[in-house]
Protein backbone atom coordinates (compact mmCIF):
# COMPACT_ATOMS: atom_id res chain seq x y z
CA MET A 1 -86.14 -57.09 8.60
CA GLN A 2 -85.32 -57.77 5.08
CA LYS A 3 -83.79 -60.80 3.28
CA TYR A 4 -80.27 -60.44 2.34
CA TYR A 5 -79.10 -60.94 -1.22
CA GLU A 6 -75.67 -61.38 -2.90
CA LYS A 7 -74.93 -62.04 -6.55
CA LYS A 8 -71.85 -64.27 -7.31
CA ILE A 9 -70.36 -66.06 -10.34
CA LEU A 10 -69.02 -69.42 -9.55
CA LYS A 11 -65.27 -69.62 -10.15
CA THR A 12 -63.52 -72.78 -11.86
CA TYR A 13 -61.70 -73.66 -8.64
CA GLN A 14 -65.19 -74.08 -6.87
CA CYS A 15 -66.38 -76.67 -9.30
CA ASP A 16 -65.81 -80.37 -9.89
CA ARG A 17 -64.50 -82.07 -13.11
CA HIS A 18 -67.98 -81.72 -14.55
CA GLY A 19 -68.21 -78.01 -13.88
CA PHE A 20 -70.67 -78.37 -10.97
CA ILE A 21 -70.09 -76.71 -7.45
CA ARG A 22 -68.28 -79.05 -5.14
CA PRO A 23 -70.22 -79.80 -1.84
CA VAL A 24 -67.54 -78.15 0.20
CA MET A 25 -67.84 -74.94 -1.72
CA LEU A 26 -71.62 -75.01 -1.61
CA MET A 27 -71.61 -75.29 2.10
CA ASN A 28 -68.94 -72.61 2.42
CA GLU A 29 -70.93 -70.30 0.30
CA LEU A 30 -74.08 -70.76 2.46
CA GLN A 31 -71.88 -70.17 5.66
CA SER A 32 -70.32 -67.05 3.96
CA ILE A 33 -73.67 -65.30 3.20
CA ALA A 34 -75.03 -66.18 6.64
CA ASP A 35 -71.97 -64.69 8.29
CA THR A 36 -72.29 -61.62 6.44
CA HIS A 37 -76.09 -61.05 7.24
CA ALA A 38 -75.47 -61.81 10.95
CA GLU A 39 -72.68 -59.18 10.98
CA ILE A 40 -75.16 -56.72 9.30
CA LEU A 41 -77.84 -57.55 12.00
CA GLY A 42 -75.52 -56.93 14.99
CA TRP A 43 -74.79 -60.52 16.02
CA GLY A 44 -72.20 -61.79 13.87
CA ARG A 45 -68.46 -62.29 14.34
CA THR A 46 -67.82 -58.78 15.92
CA PHE A 47 -70.34 -59.40 18.47
CA CYS A 48 -69.09 -62.94 19.00
CA LEU A 49 -65.46 -61.84 19.59
CA ALA A 50 -66.44 -59.07 21.87
CA ASN A 51 -68.56 -61.49 24.04
CA ASN A 52 -66.52 -64.59 23.93
CA VAL A 53 -69.45 -66.56 22.21
CA ALA A 54 -69.95 -68.45 18.93
CA TRP A 55 -72.83 -69.67 16.77
CA VAL A 56 -72.74 -73.40 16.50
CA VAL A 57 -74.66 -75.29 13.79
CA THR A 58 -76.70 -78.45 14.71
CA HIS A 59 -78.42 -79.09 11.29
CA TYR A 60 -77.94 -78.18 7.65
CA LEU A 61 -80.71 -79.45 5.44
CA VAL A 62 -79.96 -78.87 1.78
CA GLU A 63 -82.15 -79.66 -1.26
CA ILE A 64 -80.70 -79.29 -4.71
CA ASP A 65 -82.95 -79.09 -7.80
CA GLU A 66 -79.99 -78.11 -9.93
CA LEU A 67 -76.34 -78.01 -8.91
CA PRO A 68 -74.86 -74.54 -9.70
CA ARG A 69 -72.62 -74.47 -12.49
CA ASP A 70 -69.28 -72.90 -13.30
CA SER A 71 -69.52 -69.35 -14.71
CA GLU A 72 -73.30 -68.92 -14.04
CA GLU A 73 -74.41 -65.78 -12.32
CA LEU A 74 -76.18 -66.86 -9.16
CA GLU A 75 -78.35 -64.93 -6.45
CA PHE A 76 -77.71 -66.23 -2.81
CA ILE A 77 -80.61 -65.15 -0.38
CA THR A 78 -80.64 -65.80 3.27
CA TRP A 79 -82.85 -64.75 6.24
CA PRO A 80 -83.46 -65.69 9.76
CA SER A 81 -86.68 -67.74 9.84
CA ARG A 82 -87.54 -68.44 13.35
CA HIS A 83 -86.21 -68.98 16.95
CA ASP A 84 -87.12 -70.10 20.49
CA SER A 85 -85.29 -69.45 23.58
CA LEU A 86 -82.15 -71.49 22.69
CA LYS A 87 -82.17 -72.14 18.99
CA ALA A 88 -82.36 -70.09 15.79
CA ALA A 89 -83.23 -71.11 12.23
CA ARG A 90 -81.74 -69.50 9.05
CA ASP A 91 -82.91 -70.30 5.62
CA PHE A 92 -81.32 -69.99 2.20
CA GLU A 93 -82.14 -69.93 -1.57
CA ILE A 94 -79.91 -69.90 -4.44
CA ARG A 95 -81.36 -68.77 -7.56
CA GLY A 96 -80.03 -68.99 -11.30
CA ASN A 97 -79.57 -65.96 -13.62
CA ASP A 98 -83.16 -66.21 -14.81
CA GLY A 99 -84.58 -66.22 -11.16
CA ARG A 100 -85.47 -69.91 -10.94
CA VAL A 101 -84.67 -71.48 -7.49
CA ILE A 102 -82.11 -74.12 -7.89
CA VAL A 103 -81.22 -74.78 -4.25
CA ARG A 104 -83.10 -74.46 -0.92
CA ALA A 105 -81.70 -74.94 2.48
CA THR A 106 -82.41 -74.49 6.12
CA SER A 107 -80.30 -74.68 9.11
CA GLN A 108 -80.38 -74.46 12.95
CA TRP A 109 -77.99 -72.70 15.31
CA VAL A 110 -77.22 -72.31 18.99
CA MET A 111 -75.08 -69.81 20.56
CA ILE A 112 -72.58 -71.00 23.11
CA ASP A 113 -70.36 -69.41 25.83
CA LEU A 114 -66.86 -70.33 24.69
CA GLU A 115 -65.65 -70.52 28.37
CA THR A 116 -68.40 -72.80 29.62
CA ARG A 117 -69.27 -74.43 26.27
CA ARG A 118 -72.87 -74.04 27.19
CA PRO A 119 -75.72 -72.66 25.12
CA MET A 120 -76.87 -69.17 25.90
CA ARG A 121 -80.37 -67.88 25.88
CA LEU A 122 -81.03 -65.80 22.70
CA SER A 123 -82.74 -63.24 24.75
CA GLU A 124 -79.09 -62.23 25.57
CA LEU A 125 -78.52 -61.09 22.01
CA PRO A 126 -78.66 -57.37 21.16
CA SER A 127 -81.98 -55.69 20.63
CA GLY A 128 -83.58 -55.77 17.34
CA TRP A 129 -83.81 -59.48 16.95
CA ALA A 130 -86.45 -60.38 14.40
CA VAL A 131 -87.30 -63.11 11.93
CA ILE A 132 -89.00 -63.48 8.57
CA GLU A 133 -91.55 -66.19 9.07
CA GLU A 134 -90.90 -68.01 5.77
CA ARG A 135 -89.14 -71.23 5.13
CA ALA A 136 -87.07 -72.09 2.09
CA LEU A 137 -87.47 -75.82 3.62
CA ASP A 138 -90.28 -76.29 6.01
CA LEU A 139 -88.55 -79.40 7.68
CA PRO A 140 -88.09 -80.06 11.33
CA PHE A 141 -84.57 -80.29 12.97
CA GLU A 142 -84.51 -83.88 14.16
CA LYS A 143 -82.06 -86.48 15.20
CA PHE A 144 -81.56 -88.88 12.35
CA PRO A 145 -82.47 -92.52 12.63
CA ASP A 146 -79.68 -94.97 13.39
CA PHE A 147 -78.61 -97.39 10.60
CA GLU A 148 -76.07 -100.32 10.07
CA THR A 149 -73.14 -99.30 7.88
CA GLU A 150 -71.46 -101.18 5.30
CA THR A 151 -68.14 -99.67 4.34
CA CYS A 152 -65.77 -97.42 6.25
CA ALA A 153 -63.08 -94.96 4.91
CA GLU A 154 -60.38 -93.12 6.81
CA PHE A 155 -59.63 -89.31 6.25
CA GLN A 156 -56.89 -87.26 7.56
CA THR A 157 -57.87 -83.88 9.26
CA ARG A 158 -55.71 -81.29 7.69
CA TYR A 159 -54.50 -78.13 9.19
CA ASP A 160 -56.61 -76.15 6.65
CA ASP A 161 -59.85 -78.03 7.79
CA VAL A 162 -59.66 -76.18 11.20
CA ASP A 163 -61.53 -72.72 11.45
CA VAL A 164 -61.08 -69.84 13.84
CA ASN A 165 -63.35 -71.51 16.29
CA GLN A 166 -60.59 -74.15 16.65
CA HIS A 167 -62.66 -77.06 15.37
CA VAL A 168 -63.07 -78.70 11.92
CA ASN A 169 -65.32 -76.44 9.85
CA ASN A 170 -68.84 -77.79 9.20
CA ALA A 171 -68.33 -77.77 5.29
CA VAL A 172 -65.52 -80.35 5.52
CA TYR A 173 -68.13 -82.87 6.82
CA ALA A 174 -69.92 -82.59 3.58
CA SER A 175 -66.72 -83.28 1.69
CA TRP A 176 -65.93 -86.31 3.83
CA ALA A 177 -69.41 -87.78 3.35
CA THR A 178 -69.40 -87.30 -0.43
CA GLU A 179 -65.98 -88.56 -0.95
CA SER A 180 -66.65 -91.74 1.02
CA VAL A 181 -69.03 -93.18 -1.66
CA GLY A 182 -66.01 -93.88 -3.93
CA PHE A 183 -64.81 -92.16 -7.22
CA ASP A 184 -66.99 -94.31 -9.55
CA PHE A 185 -70.24 -93.76 -7.69
CA ARG A 186 -69.62 -90.05 -7.20
CA ASP A 187 -68.69 -89.70 -10.77
CA SER A 188 -71.79 -91.15 -12.12
CA HIS A 189 -74.28 -89.52 -9.79
CA ALA A 190 -75.24 -85.97 -9.07
CA LEU A 191 -75.96 -84.72 -5.36
CA ARG A 192 -79.62 -83.80 -5.02
CA LYS A 193 -79.84 -83.68 -1.19
CA ILE A 194 -77.42 -83.42 1.75
CA PHE A 195 -78.68 -83.44 5.28
CA LEU A 196 -76.20 -82.84 8.05
CA ASN A 197 -76.89 -83.41 11.88
CA PHE A 198 -73.79 -82.25 13.77
CA LYS A 199 -73.37 -83.78 17.22
CA LYS A 200 -69.96 -83.07 18.62
CA GLU A 201 -67.15 -80.78 17.25
CA ILE A 202 -63.78 -82.20 16.08
CA PRO A 203 -61.16 -80.16 17.80
CA ALA A 204 -57.98 -78.90 16.22
CA GLY A 205 -55.18 -81.53 16.64
CA THR A 206 -57.37 -84.47 15.70
CA ASP A 207 -55.37 -86.67 13.61
CA SER A 208 -57.97 -88.60 11.43
CA VAL A 209 -61.86 -89.38 11.18
CA THR A 210 -63.60 -92.38 9.97
CA VAL A 211 -66.66 -92.23 7.78
CA CYS A 212 -68.96 -95.35 7.82
CA THR A 213 -71.45 -95.50 4.93
CA ALA A 214 -74.68 -97.31 3.96
CA PHE A 215 -75.97 -97.57 0.51
CA GLU A 216 -79.66 -97.83 -0.07
CA GLY A 217 -80.02 -97.26 -3.79
CA ASN A 218 -79.68 -93.64 -4.69
CA VAL A 219 -79.47 -92.69 -0.82
CA THR A 220 -76.35 -92.95 1.15
CA ARG A 221 -75.93 -92.59 4.91
CA HIS A 222 -73.04 -91.62 6.68
CA LYS A 223 -71.54 -91.75 10.30
CA ILE A 224 -68.51 -89.42 10.91
CA LEU A 225 -66.53 -90.89 13.83
CA THR A 226 -63.42 -90.00 15.94
CA LEU A 227 -62.51 -93.14 17.81
CA ASP A 228 -65.80 -94.02 19.61
CA THR A 229 -67.37 -90.60 19.38
CA GLU A 230 -70.02 -90.10 16.52
CA ASN A 231 -69.45 -86.44 15.63
CA ALA A 232 -72.19 -86.17 12.85
CA ASN A 233 -74.63 -88.11 10.81
CA VAL A 234 -74.97 -87.15 7.00
CA VAL A 235 -77.79 -88.31 4.62
CA CYS A 236 -77.16 -87.72 0.83
CA GLU A 237 -79.52 -88.35 -2.00
CA TRP A 238 -78.17 -88.74 -5.64
CA LYS A 239 -79.44 -88.73 -9.08
């Protein structure tokens, strides 16, 4: 087992008005490298399609020392870091062109049977399952504490928000949370941490979502809701 590496140069369309990577693009890049490595290891998209299963993320915990910038050559690194009978962790680093670590992340996944929608035991995966026992972020995957919200914003779920698993892609939740703080707050703050706890998928055909937010200085907490269902909690830290 070895870590997987990819070098990329950020494009202008991936960045915001200040030239920093947009949250939705950051999450998409992490997802992309995870998908590629899982495919190489034998339990990626090809395996999932053949066996009518899917990987579902429960947590993404991302800490940002520096937001990646437009035109900088970056090195994306990922590896499976641990697993038990039902849950697997995958960690990430993003390094700048001089080798400095600028983003650290960890994530937790379960594999579900698409017919029953129930988790599968990881012992059912192909042989060769292994991990690198190193954490980019040595943090537990826990339920986030509840909180009282102050403001709520409505977002339309677009056709392009839905992925091939027929639910809203996890990267879109990051966009909703960071957009819900308002233009002035967002324009005067840089994202330094985004922790996502996914609770229930949002299926294709859902018209809209509500994002309710609490402000605690440079920390914002978000509940992503469809009607009475809490689909995700997001915690952002800003500078």
